[in-house]
Amino acid sequence: MKAHVDKETCIGCELCPNICPEVFRMEDDGLAVAIDVEVPSDNEDTAKEAEEACPVDAIEVS
C-alpha cells in the first residue's frame, strides 16, 4: 500500500500528519507529503483514515 498527496490540491490543513504522522508530514512550503515507501502495515488503517478526512480529497492511499 502506498500513499500520495497531490500538492496541487493540498491546502496545508495539517489533518493528515495529525492523524497519521508515521506516513504524512508537512514540508517547508506548508503542504503535506507522504513517505516515499510502502505504508507500514501497522499504519494502513490510520493512513486510510487520513485519506477520508482530507477536506479537499488530496490524498490517495492504495
C-alpha atoms as a PDB file:
ATOM      1  CA  MET A   1       0.000   0.000   0.000  1.00  0.00           C
ATOM      2  CA  LYS A   2       1.294   3.458  -0.921  1.00  0.00           C
ATOM      3  CA  ALA A   3       0.120   6.944  -0.020  1.00  0.00           C
ATOM      4  CA  HIS A   4       0.260  10.000  -2.254  1.00  0.00           C
ATOM      5  CA  VAL A   5      -0.569  13.646  -1.595  1.00  0.00           C
ATOM      6  CA  ASP A   6      -1.492  15.832  -4.563  1.00  0.00           C
ATOM      7  CA  LYS A   7       0.383  19.016  -3.699  1.00  0.00           C
ATOM      8  CA  GLU A   8      -1.629  20.966  -6.289  1.00  0.00           C
ATOM      9  CA  THR A   9      -4.779  20.218  -4.275  1.00  0.00           C
ATOM     10  CA  CYS A  10      -3.395  20.223  -0.701  1.00  0.00           C
ATOM     11  CA  ILE A  11      -4.395  23.270   1.363  1.00  0.00           C
ATOM     12  CA  GLY A  12      -1.976  22.623   4.239  1.00  0.00           C
ATOM     13  CA  CYS A  13      -4.633  21.968   6.875  1.00  0.00           C
ATOM     14  CA  GLU A  14      -2.315  19.521   8.721  1.00  0.00           C
ATOM     15  CA  LEU A  15      -5.041  16.910   9.318  1.00  0.00           C
ATOM     16  CA  CYS A  16      -3.125  14.044   7.712  1.00  0.00           C
ATOM     17  CA  PRO A  17       0.068  14.324   9.798  1.00  0.00           C
ATOM     18  CA  ASN A  18      -2.048  14.821  12.906  1.00  0.00           C
ATOM     19  CA  ILE A  19      -3.949  11.600  12.146  1.00  0.00           C
ATOM     20  CA  CYS A  20      -1.026   9.533  10.805  1.00  0.00           C
ATOM     21  CA  PRO A  21       2.402  11.120  11.430  1.00  0.00           C
ATOM     22  CA  GLU A  22       4.129   7.859  10.505  1.00  0.00           C
ATOM     23  CA  VAL A  23       3.044   8.341   6.877  1.00  0.00           C
ATOM     24  CA  PHE A  24       2.411  12.073   6.381  1.00  0.00           C
ATOM     25  CA  ARG A  25       4.413  15.178   7.246  1.00  0.00           C
ATOM     26  CA  MET A  26       4.339  18.859   6.459  1.00  0.00           C
ATOM     27  CA  GLU A  27       7.071  20.306   4.253  1.00  0.00           C
ATOM     28  CA  ASP A  28       8.699  23.727   4.410  1.00  0.00           C
ATOM     29  CA  ASP A  29       6.259  25.007   1.776  1.00  0.00           C
ATOM     30  CA  GLY A  30       3.374  24.393   4.210  1.00  0.00           C
ATOM     31  CA  LEU A  31       1.958  21.481   2.228  1.00  0.00           C
ATOM     32  CA  ALA A  32       1.731  17.831   3.161  1.00  0.00           C
ATOM     33  CA  VAL A  33       3.740  14.982   1.704  1.00  0.00           C
ATOM     34  CA  ALA A  34       3.571  11.210   2.145  1.00  0.00           C
ATOM     35  CA  ILE A  35       6.514   8.910   2.791  1.00  0.00           C
ATOM     36  CA  ASP A  36       8.083   7.532  -0.384  1.00  0.00           C
ATOM     37  CA  VAL A  37       7.988   3.892   0.683  1.00  0.00           C
ATOM     38  CA  GLU A  38       5.280   1.353   1.329  1.00  0.00           C
ATOM     39  CA  VAL A  39       2.901   2.324   4.121  1.00  0.00           C
ATOM     40  CA  PRO A  40       3.823   0.160   7.123  1.00  0.00           C
ATOM     41  CA  SER A  41       1.126  -2.455   7.726  1.00  0.00           C
ATOM     42  CA  ASP A  42       0.644  -1.126  11.260  1.00  0.00           C
ATOM     43  CA  ASN A  43      -0.331   2.261   9.801  1.00  0.00           C
ATOM     44  CA  GLU A  44      -2.624   1.246   6.939  1.00  0.00           C
ATOM     45  CA  ASP A  45      -5.836   1.958   8.864  1.00  0.00           C
ATOM     46  CA  THR A  46      -4.737   5.416  10.027  1.00  0.00           C
ATOM     47  CA  ALA A  47      -3.405   6.270   6.548  1.00  0.00           C
ATOM     48  CA  LYS A  48      -6.856   5.428   5.127  1.00  0.00           C
ATOM     49  CA  GLU A  49      -8.444   7.480   7.918  1.00  0.00           C
ATOM     50  CA  ALA A  50      -6.293  10.464   6.886  1.00  0.00           C
ATOM     51  CA  GLU A  51      -7.333   9.950   3.253  1.00  0.00           C
ATOM     52  CA  GLU A  52     -11.006  10.014   4.230  1.00  0.00           C
ATOM     53  CA  ALA A  53     -10.533  13.051   6.493  1.00  0.00           C
ATOM     54  CA  CYS A  54      -8.815  15.218   3.851  1.00  0.00           C
ATOM     55  CA  PRO A  55     -11.227  18.114   3.192  1.00  0.00           C
ATOM     56  CA  VAL A  56     -10.063  18.556  -0.426  1.00  0.00           C
ATOM     57  CA  ASP A  57      -9.501  14.887  -1.374  1.00  0.00           C
ATOM     58  CA  ALA A  58      -5.772  15.461  -1.976  1.00  0.00           C
ATOM     59  CA  ILE A  59      -4.751  12.046  -0.589  1.00  0.00           C
ATOM     60  CA  GLU A  60      -4.791   8.685  -2.291  1.00  0.00           C
ATOM     61  CA  VAL A  61      -3.935   5.536  -0.348  1.00  0.00           C
ATOM     62  CA  SER A  62      -3.966   2.352  -2.395  1.00  0.00           C
END
